[in-house]
Amino acid sequence: MKPISDARYESIINLLDRGLSFRDIQKHLSISIATASRVKQSTRPNINRSVGRRPITFTTREKRLVVQLIISGESENAVASAKKCQEAWKKDVSADTIRSTLKEARFRSVNRKMKPRLESRHRQVRLEFVIKHKE
């Protein structure tokens, strides 16, 4: 391993303190990622790195409000809830985000039971009822 100069060493520390990733430091200084990692381990072992996740869409409060929309019956499904959230909070919210929020709250999707179809005899009985009670 070739030793690095003090100026380059200080540059790596400076970029680490500014929050740049190893890949960004590699591009800035033309060094290997391993070199940047070694400098970090020796000088700044407690710097936390971002996990690299997508930023959260809902705050905890907003998640509770989404669940409340469904419980109260204001919204019947995730698509309707997404539209209400977009109107209320001016955020781009997909129905999938609502579904994952509800899943997080331990809600399960349930298919509604299908009602039996009306047969011709049912239609006839209804028609007779309407005619009989027309007045």
Protein backbone atom coordinates (compact mmCIF):
# COMPACT_ATOMS: atom_id res chain seq x y z
CA MET A 1 0.00 0.00 0.00
CA LYS A 2 1.40 3.32 -1.11
CA PRO A 3 1.33 6.03 1.58
CA ILE A 4 -0.80 9.09 0.86
CA SER A 5 0.33 12.66 1.35
CA ASP A 6 -0.76 14.73 4.34
CA ALA A 7 -2.65 17.15 2.09
CA ARG A 8 -4.62 14.33 0.50
CA TYR A 9 -5.23 12.81 3.94
CA GLU A 10 -6.64 16.12 5.17
CA SER A 11 -8.76 16.42 2.02
CA ILE A 12 -10.29 13.00 2.67
CA ILE A 13 -11.10 13.96 6.27
CA ASN A 14 -12.60 17.26 5.11
CA LEU A 15 -14.83 15.51 2.55
CA LEU A 16 -15.86 12.90 5.13
CA ASP A 17 -16.86 15.67 7.53
CA ARG A 18 -18.94 17.28 4.79
CA GLY A 19 -20.88 14.02 4.47
CA LEU A 20 -19.71 12.83 1.07
CA SER A 21 -19.85 9.15 0.27
CA PHE A 22 -16.77 7.04 -0.41
CA ARG A 23 -17.69 6.95 -4.08
CA ASP A 24 -17.91 10.76 -4.24
CA ILE A 25 -14.56 11.08 -2.43
CA GLN A 26 -13.06 8.61 -4.90
CA LYS A 27 -14.23 10.75 -7.84
CA HIS A 28 -13.05 14.02 -6.24
CA LEU A 29 -9.56 12.89 -5.25
CA SER A 30 -8.86 9.96 -7.63
CA ILE A 31 -8.24 7.53 -4.79
CA SER A 32 -9.69 4.10 -4.13
CA ILE A 33 -12.77 3.56 -2.03
CA ALA A 34 -10.70 1.35 0.27
CA THR A 35 -8.31 4.24 0.99
CA ALA A 36 -11.20 6.54 1.92
CA SER A 37 -12.64 3.79 4.10
CA ARG A 38 -9.32 3.23 5.91
CA VAL A 39 -8.93 6.96 6.61
CA LYS A 40 -12.49 7.07 7.96
CA GLN A 41 -11.88 4.07 10.23
CA SER A 42 -8.68 5.55 11.61
CA THR A 43 -9.89 9.13 12.13
CA ARG A 44 -13.70 9.23 12.22
CA PRO A 45 -14.99 5.78 13.24
CA ASN A 46 -18.19 7.21 14.73
CA ILE A 47 -19.46 9.04 11.64
CA ASN A 48 -22.82 7.54 10.81
CA ARG A 49 -23.51 6.80 7.20
CA SER A 50 -26.97 6.99 5.73
CA VAL A 51 -28.57 3.62 5.19
CA GLY A 52 -29.51 4.67 1.69
CA ARG A 53 -33.24 4.21 2.04
CA ARG A 54 -35.89 6.14 0.25
CA PRO A 55 -37.08 9.16 2.26
CA ILE A 56 -40.24 8.52 4.24
CA THR A 57 -43.52 9.69 2.75
CA PHE A 58 -45.65 9.94 5.87
CA THR A 59 -44.91 11.18 9.34
CA THR A 60 -46.23 9.12 12.24
CA ARG A 61 -49.11 11.53 12.64
CA GLU A 62 -50.06 11.25 8.97
CA LYS A 63 -49.97 7.45 9.20
CA ARG A 64 -52.45 7.58 12.07
CA LEU A 65 -54.69 9.88 10.05
CA VAL A 66 -54.64 7.47 7.09
CA VAL A 67 -55.69 4.62 9.38
CA GLN A 68 -58.40 6.84 10.85
CA LEU A 69 -59.75 7.57 7.35
CA ILE A 70 -60.36 3.87 6.82
CA ILE A 71 -61.70 3.15 10.32
CA SER A 72 -64.15 6.06 10.23
CA GLY A 73 -65.44 5.05 6.81
CA GLU A 74 -64.50 8.35 5.15
CA SER A 75 -62.49 6.35 2.63
CA GLU A 76 -63.48 2.91 1.53
CA ASN A 77 -60.21 1.83 -0.05
CA ALA A 78 -56.58 2.80 -0.60
CA VAL A 79 -57.23 4.67 -3.84
CA ALA A 80 -59.85 6.92 -2.23
CA SER A 81 -57.54 7.48 0.75
CA ALA A 82 -54.67 8.43 -1.57
CA LYS A 83 -56.86 11.04 -3.28
CA LYS A 84 -57.93 12.51 0.07
CA CYS A 85 -54.31 12.65 1.25
CA GLN A 86 -53.22 14.37 -1.97
CA GLU A 87 -55.92 16.98 -1.53
CA ALA A 88 -55.30 17.52 2.18
CA TRP A 89 -51.49 17.46 2.34
CA LYS A 90 -50.53 18.39 -1.23
CA LYS A 91 -48.22 15.37 -1.41
CA ASP A 92 -47.86 12.86 -4.21
CA VAL A 93 -49.13 9.71 -2.54
CA SER A 94 -49.77 6.46 -4.35
CA ALA A 95 -52.33 3.87 -3.38
CA ASP A 96 -49.46 1.43 -2.77
CA THR A 97 -48.05 3.77 -0.13
CA ILE A 98 -51.45 3.81 1.59
CA ARG A 99 -51.63 0.01 1.38
CA SER A 100 -48.19 -0.40 2.96
CA THR A 101 -49.16 2.06 5.70
CA LEU A 102 -52.31 0.06 6.42
CA LYS A 103 -50.33 -3.18 6.35
CA GLU A 104 -47.90 -1.64 8.85
CA ALA A 105 -50.93 -0.91 11.06
CA ARG A 106 -51.86 -4.63 10.77
CA PHE A 107 -54.84 -4.13 8.50
CA ARG A 108 -55.62 -6.95 6.10
CA SER A 109 -57.34 -6.76 2.75
CA VAL A 110 -60.62 -8.61 2.55
CA ASN A 111 -62.66 -9.32 -0.53
CA ARG A 112 -66.31 -8.54 -0.13
CA LYS A 113 -68.77 -11.37 -0.34
CA MET A 114 -70.64 -11.35 -3.60
CA LYS A 115 -74.37 -10.92 -3.34
CA PRO A 116 -76.42 -13.48 -5.23
CA ARG A 117 -77.72 -12.29 -8.57
CA LEU A 118 -81.39 -11.63 -9.06
CA GLU A 119 -83.10 -14.35 -10.99
CA SER A 120 -86.05 -13.76 -13.30
CA ARG A 121 -88.54 -14.91 -10.65
CA HIS A 122 -87.09 -12.32 -8.22
CA ARG A 123 -87.52 -9.61 -10.83
CA GLN A 124 -91.10 -10.70 -11.42
CA VAL A 125 -91.90 -10.58 -7.69
CA ARG A 126 -90.38 -7.10 -7.41
CA LEU A 127 -92.32 -5.88 -10.41
CA GLU A 128 -95.57 -7.22 -8.95
CA PHE A 129 -94.77 -5.50 -5.64
CA VAL A 130 -94.15 -2.15 -7.37
CA ILE A 131 -97.35 -2.42 -9.39
CA LYS A 132 -99.36 -3.37 -6.29
CA HIS A 133 -97.96 -0.52 -4.16
CA LYS A 134 -97.74 2.06 -6.93
CA GLU A 135 -100.28 4.36 -5.37
